[in-house]
Amino acid sequence: QERSTGDRVAKRSVNTLRAAVERAIAHLKDWKIFATRYRGPLTHFALLAKTVTALAFYKKGR
């Protein structure tokens, strides 16, 4: 059965919001390494943070 125009518009707005929330959750999961205890040498932590940041910006720009 065909949906009415109002139903389609409402569904599209809900799906747009849902997709944005799912993307935000995915980004938080990308940064999970900072939420857990870092187990590597502290001398490497700054390089790791810079690398993760660079990769996040690279991924965003693609």
PDB file of N, CA and C in Angstrom:
ATOM      1  N   GLN A   1       0.842  -1.179   0.000  1.00  0.00           N
ATOM      2  CA  GLN A   1       0.000   0.000   0.000  1.00  0.00           C
ATOM      3  C   GLN A   1       0.891   1.248   0.000  1.00  0.00           C
ATOM      4  N   GLU A   2       0.530   2.227  -0.786  1.00  0.00           N
ATOM      5  CA  GLU A   2       1.298   3.479  -0.889  1.00  0.00           C
ATOM      6  C   GLU A   2       1.137   4.307   0.376  1.00  0.00           C
ATOM      7  N   ARG A   3       2.203   4.927   0.776  1.00  0.00           N
ATOM      8  CA  ARG A   3       2.155   5.823   1.937  1.00  0.00           C
ATOM      9  C   ARG A   3       1.780   7.217   1.475  1.00  0.00           C
ATOM     10  N   SER A   4       1.156   7.951   2.367  1.00  0.00           N
ATOM     11  CA  SER A   4       0.799   9.327   2.026  1.00  0.00           C
ATOM     12  C   SER A   4       2.053  10.189   2.042  1.00  0.00           C
ATOM     13  N   THR A   5       1.954  11.357   1.441  1.00  0.00           N
ATOM     14  CA  THR A   5       3.087  12.273   1.388  1.00  0.00           C
ATOM     15  C   THR A   5       3.524  12.674   2.794  1.00  0.00           C
ATOM     16  N   GLY A   6       2.576  12.919   3.678  1.00  0.00           N
ATOM     17  CA  GLY A   6       2.899  13.278   5.057  1.00  0.00           C
ATOM     18  C   GLY A   6       3.666  12.179   5.780  1.00  0.00           C
ATOM     19  N   ASP A   7       3.251  10.921   5.546  1.00  0.00           N
ATOM     20  CA  ASP A   7       3.948   9.787   6.158  1.00  0.00           C
ATOM     21  C   ASP A   7       5.386   9.690   5.642  1.00  0.00           C
ATOM     22  N   ARG A   8       5.563   9.892   4.344  1.00  0.00           N
ATOM     23  CA  ARG A   8       6.910   9.815   3.771  1.00  0.00           C
ATOM     24  C   ARG A   8       7.806  10.912   4.312  1.00  0.00           C
ATOM     25  N   VAL A   9       7.267  12.126   4.444  1.00  0.00           N
ATOM     26  CA  VAL A   9       8.056  13.241   4.967  1.00  0.00           C
ATOM     27  C   VAL A   9       8.427  12.982   6.427  1.00  0.00           C
ATOM     28  N   ALA A  10       7.475  12.497   7.209  1.00  0.00           N
ATOM     29  CA  ALA A  10       7.739  12.199   8.619  1.00  0.00           C
ATOM     30  C   ALA A  10       8.781  11.098   8.757  1.00  0.00           C
ATOM     31  N   LYS A  11       8.649  10.062   7.957  1.00  0.00           N
ATOM     32  CA  LYS A  11       9.606   8.955   8.019  1.00  0.00           C
ATOM     33  C   LYS A  11      11.003   9.411   7.610  1.00  0.00           C
ATOM     34  N   ARG A  12      11.092  10.263   6.608  1.00  0.00           N
ATOM     35  CA  ARG A  12      12.384  10.761   6.161  1.00  0.00           C
ATOM     36  C   ARG A  12      13.055  11.593   7.255  1.00  0.00           C
ATOM     37  N   SER A  13      12.277  12.429   7.957  1.00  0.00           N
ATOM     38  CA  SER A  13      12.879  13.257   9.009  1.00  0.00           C
ATOM     39  C   SER A  13      13.342  12.388  10.179  1.00  0.00           C
ATOM     40  N   VAL A  14      12.585  11.353  10.523  1.00  0.00           N
ATOM     41  CA  VAL A  14      13.002  10.452  11.594  1.00  0.00           C
ATOM     42  C   VAL A  14      14.268   9.699  11.181  1.00  0.00           C
ATOM     43  N   ASN A  15      14.311   9.222   9.947  1.00  0.00           N
ATOM     44  CA  ASN A  15      15.486   8.494   9.464  1.00  0.00           C
ATOM     45  C   ASN A  15      16.719   9.387   9.404  1.00  0.00           C
ATOM     46  N   THR A  16      16.547  10.654   9.047  1.00  0.00           N
ATOM     47  CA  THR A  16      17.668  11.586   9.012  1.00  0.00           C
ATOM     48  C   THR A  16      18.243  11.783  10.405  1.00  0.00           C
ATOM     49  N   LEU A  17      17.367  11.958  11.373  1.00  0.00           N
ATOM     50  CA  LEU A  17      17.813  12.119  12.757  1.00  0.00           C
ATOM     51  C   LEU A  17      18.465  10.842  13.271  1.00  0.00           C
ATOM     52  N   ARG A  18      17.876   9.706  12.972  1.00  0.00           N
ATOM     53  CA  ARG A  18      18.434   8.426  13.418  1.00  0.00           C
ATOM     54  C   ARG A  18      19.826   8.202  12.833  1.00  0.00           C
ATOM     55  N   ALA A  19      20.005   8.528  11.559  1.00  0.00           N
ATOM     56  CA  ALA A  19      21.307   8.352  10.916  1.00  0.00           C
ATOM     57  C   ALA A  19      22.357   9.249  11.565  1.00  0.00           C
ATOM     58  N   ALA A  20      21.985  10.475  11.905  1.00  0.00           N
ATOM     59  CA  ALA A  20      22.925  11.382  12.552  1.00  0.00           C
ATOM     60  C   ALA A  20      23.348  10.846  13.922  1.00  0.00           C
ATOM     61  N   VAL A  21      22.406  10.306  14.669  1.00  0.00           N
ATOM     62  CA  VAL A  21      22.720   9.740  15.990  1.00  0.00           C
ATOM     63  C   VAL A  21      23.625   8.517  15.831  1.00  0.00           C
ATOM     64  N   GLU A  22      23.346   7.683  14.858  1.00  0.00           N
ATOM     65  CA  GLU A  22      24.178   6.502  14.643  1.00  0.00           C
ATOM     66  C   GLU A  22      25.591   6.893  14.235  1.00  0.00           C
ATOM     67  N   ARG A  23      25.740   7.934  13.412  1.00  0.00           N
ATOM     68  CA  ARG A  23      27.078   8.413  13.053  1.00  0.00           C
ATOM     69  C   ARG A  23      27.822   8.931  14.275  1.00  0.00           C
ATOM     70  N   ALA A  24      27.124   9.663  15.146  1.00  0.00           N
ATOM     71  CA  ALA A  24      27.752  10.189  16.363  1.00  0.00           C
ATOM     72  C   ALA A  24      28.228   9.048  17.258  1.00  0.00           C
ATOM     73  N   ILE A  25      27.418   8.010  17.402  1.00  0.00           N
ATOM     74  CA  ILE A  25      27.816   6.858  18.205  1.00  0.00           C
ATOM     75  C   ILE A  25      29.020   6.161  17.591  1.00  0.00           C
ATOM     76  N   ALA A  26      29.046   6.045  16.276  1.00  0.00           N
ATOM     77  CA  ALA A  26      30.188   5.425  15.599  1.00  0.00           C
ATOM     78  C   ALA A  26      31.459   6.222  15.836  1.00  0.00           C
ATOM     79  N   HIS A  27      31.366   7.556  15.806  1.00  0.00           N
ATOM     80  CA  HIS A  27      32.543   8.388  16.074  1.00  0.00           C
ATOM     81  C   HIS A  27      33.029   8.195  17.505  1.00  0.00           C
ATOM     82  N   LEU A  28      32.119   8.078  18.448  1.00  0.00           N
ATOM     83  CA  LEU A  28      32.523   7.837  19.834  1.00  0.00           C
ATOM     84  C   LEU A  28      33.226   6.495  19.970  1.00  0.00           C
ATOM     85  N   LYS A  29      32.764   5.493  19.238  1.00  0.00           N
ATOM     86  CA  LYS A  29      33.408   4.183  19.290  1.00  0.00           C
ATOM     87  C   LYS A  29      34.798   4.242  18.677  1.00  0.00           C
ATOM     88  N   ASP A  30      35.000   5.098  17.669  1.00  0.00           N
ATOM     89  CA  ASP A  30      36.333   5.273  17.086  1.00  0.00           C
ATOM     90  C   ASP A  30      37.322   5.767  18.135  1.00  0.00           C
ATOM     91  N   TRP A  31      36.856   6.575  19.061  1.00  0.00           N
ATOM     92  CA  TRP A  31      37.717   7.175  20.082  1.00  0.00           C
ATOM     93  C   TRP A  31      37.748   6.339  21.356  1.00  0.00           C
ATOM     94  N   LYS A  32      37.288   5.106  21.302  1.00  0.00           N
ATOM     95  CA  LYS A  32      37.200   4.265  22.492  1.00  0.00           C
ATOM     96  C   LYS A  32      38.566   4.051  23.139  1.00  0.00           C
ATOM     97  N   ILE A  33      39.627   4.087  22.362  1.00  0.00           N
ATOM     98  CA  ILE A  33      40.961   3.872  22.923  1.00  0.00           C
ATOM     99  C   ILE A  33      41.263   4.900  24.018  1.00  0.00           C
ATOM    100  N   PHE A  34      40.683   6.098  23.913  1.00  0.00           N
ATOM    101  CA  PHE A  34      40.917   7.109  24.928  1.00  0.00           C
ATOM    102  C   PHE A  34      40.015   6.911  26.147  1.00  0.00           C
ATOM    103  N   ALA A  35      38.938   6.164  25.984  1.00  0.00           N
ATOM    104  CA  ALA A  35      38.017   5.920  27.096  1.00  0.00           C
ATOM    105  C   ALA A  35      38.522   4.795  27.994  1.00  0.00           C
ATOM    106  N   THR A  36      39.341   3.924  27.439  1.00  0.00           N
ATOM    107  CA  THR A  36      39.890   2.826  28.229  1.00  0.00           C
ATOM    108  C   THR A  36      41.303   3.183  28.663  1.00  0.00           C
ATOM    109  N   ARG A  37      41.804   2.457  29.602  1.00  0.00           N
ATOM    110  CA  ARG A  37      43.152   2.724  30.110  1.00  0.00           C
ATOM    111  C   ARG A  37      44.176   2.428  29.021  1.00  0.00           C
ATOM    112  N   TYR A  38      45.051   3.394  28.746  1.00  0.00           N
ATOM    113  CA  TYR A  38      46.107   3.201  27.755  1.00  0.00           C
ATOM    114  C   TYR A  38      47.184   2.316  28.363  1.00  0.00           C
ATOM    115  N   ARG A  39      47.534   1.231  27.677  1.00  0.00           N
ATOM    116  CA  ARG A  39      48.466   0.251  28.238  1.00  0.00           C
ATOM    117  C   ARG A  39      49.859   0.326  27.620  1.00  0.00           C
ATOM    118  N   GLY A  40      50.040   1.202  26.650  1.00  0.00           N
ATOM    119  CA  GLY A  40      51.341   1.311  26.007  1.00  0.00           C
ATOM    120  C   GLY A  40      52.266   2.255  26.760  1.00  0.00           C
ATOM    121  N   PRO A  41      53.487   2.408  26.251  1.00  0.00           N
ATOM    122  CA  PRO A  41      54.420   3.329  26.894  1.00  0.00           C
ATOM    123  C   PRO A  41      53.907   4.771  26.796  1.00  0.00           C
ATOM    124  N   LEU A  42      54.031   5.520  27.876  1.00  0.00           N
ATOM    125  CA  LEU A  42      53.550   6.901  27.876  1.00  0.00           C
ATOM    126  C   LEU A  42      54.293   7.767  26.865  1.00  0.00           C
ATOM    127  N   THR A  43      55.506   7.384  26.511  1.00  0.00           N
ATOM    128  CA  THR A  43      56.259   8.162  25.525  1.00  0.00           C
ATOM    129  C   THR A  43      55.615   8.082  24.143  1.00  0.00           C
ATOM    130  N   HIS A  44      54.813   7.051  23.894  1.00  0.00           N
ATOM    131  CA  HIS A  44      54.161   6.890  22.587  1.00  0.00           C
ATOM    132  C   HIS A  44      52.744   7.472  22.557  1.00  0.00           C
ATOM    133  N   PHE A  45      52.225   7.878  23.705  1.00  0.00           N
ATOM    134  CA  PHE A  45      50.837   8.317  23.774  1.00  0.00           C
ATOM    135  C   PHE A  45      50.576   9.561  22.928  1.00  0.00           C
ATOM    136  N   ALA A  46      51.480  10.545  22.966  1.00  0.00           N
ATOM    137  CA  ALA A  46      51.288  11.777  22.182  1.00  0.00           C
ATOM    138  C   ALA A  46      51.235  11.464  20.688  1.00  0.00           C
ATOM    139  N   LEU A  47      52.119  10.599  20.229  1.00  0.00           N
ATOM    140  CA  LEU A  47      52.126  10.220  18.806  1.00  0.00           C
ATOM    141  C   LEU A  47      50.833   9.488  18.445  1.00  0.00           C
ATOM    142  N   LEU A  48      50.379   8.629  19.326  1.00  0.00           N
ATOM    143  CA  LEU A  48      49.126   7.901  19.089  1.00  0.00           C
ATOM    144  C   LEU A  48      47.955   8.880  18.985  1.00  0.00           C
ATOM    145  N   ALA A  49      47.900   9.853  19.887  1.00  0.00           N
ATOM    146  CA  ALA A  49      46.813  10.839  19.859  1.00  0.00           C
ATOM    147  C   ALA A  49      46.850  11.645  18.565  1.00  0.00           C
ATOM    148  N   LYS A  50      48.026  12.060  18.132  1.00  0.00           N
ATOM    149  CA  LYS A  50      48.146  12.816  16.880  1.00  0.00           C
ATOM    150  C   LYS A  50      47.732  11.962  15.681  1.00  0.00           C
ATOM    151  N   THR A  51      48.111  10.692  15.697  1.00  0.00           N
ATOM    152  CA  THR A  51      47.774   9.796  14.595  1.00  0.00           C
ATOM    153  C   THR A  51      46.268   9.566  14.508  1.00  0.00           C
ATOM    154  N   VAL A  52      45.643   9.319  15.646  1.00  0.00           N
ATOM    155  CA  VAL A  52      44.193   9.091  15.656  1.00  0.00           C
ATOM    156  C   VAL A  52      43.464  10.342  15.183  1.00  0.00           C
ATOM    157  N   THR A  53      43.917  11.516  15.631  1.00  0.00           N
ATOM    158  CA  THR A  53      43.300  12.770  15.212  1.00  0.00           C
ATOM    159  C   THR A  53      43.451  12.975  13.702  1.00  0.00           C
ATOM    160  N   ALA A  54      44.647  12.727  13.185  1.00  0.00           N
ATOM    161  CA  ALA A  54      44.878  12.888  11.746  1.00  0.00           C
ATOM    162  C   ALA A  54      44.004  11.937  10.944  1.00  0.00           C
ATOM    163  N   LEU A  55      43.885  10.694  11.403  1.00  0.00           N
ATOM    164  CA  LEU A  55      43.049   9.727  10.690  1.00  0.00           C
ATOM    165  C   LEU A  55      41.576  10.125  10.739  1.00  0.00           C
ATOM    166  N   ALA A  56      41.142  10.676  11.851  1.00  0.00           N
ATOM    167  CA  ALA A  56      39.746  11.107  11.960  1.00  0.00           C
ATOM    168  C   ALA A  56      39.467  12.246  10.981  1.00  0.00           C
ATOM    169  N   PHE A  57      40.390  13.202  10.886  1.00  0.00           N
ATOM    170  CA  PHE A  57      40.197  14.305   9.940  1.00  0.00           C
ATOM    171  C   PHE A  57      40.282  13.817   8.498  1.00  0.00           C
ATOM    172  N   TYR A  58      41.178  12.853   8.222  1.00  0.00           N
ATOM    173  CA  TYR A  58      41.285  12.288   6.887  1.00  0.00           C
ATOM    174  C   TYR A  58      39.991  11.577   6.501  1.00  0.00           C
ATOM    175  N   LYS A  59      39.455  10.793   7.437  1.00  0.00           N
ATOM    176  CA  LYS A  59      38.205  10.073   7.186  1.00  0.00           C
ATOM    177  C   LYS A  59      37.053  11.038   6.952  1.00  0.00           C
ATOM    178  N   LYS A  60      37.027  12.133   7.715  1.00  0.00           N
ATOM    179  CA  LYS A  60      35.956  13.124   7.577  1.00  0.00           C
ATOM    180  C   LYS A  60      36.020  13.819   6.216  1.00  0.00           C
ATOM    181  N   GLY A  61      37.229  14.054   5.708  1.00  0.00           N
ATOM    182  CA  GLY A  61      37.394  14.776   4.453  1.00  0.00           C
ATOM    183  C   GLY A  61      37.104  13.941   3.226  1.00  0.00           C
ATOM    184  N   ARG A  62      37.048  12.644   3.362  1.00  0.00           N
ATOM    185  CA  ARG A  62      36.822  11.781   2.198  1.00  0.00           C
ATOM    186  C   ARG A  62      35.413  11.743   1.765  1.00  0.00           C
TER     187      ARG A  62
END
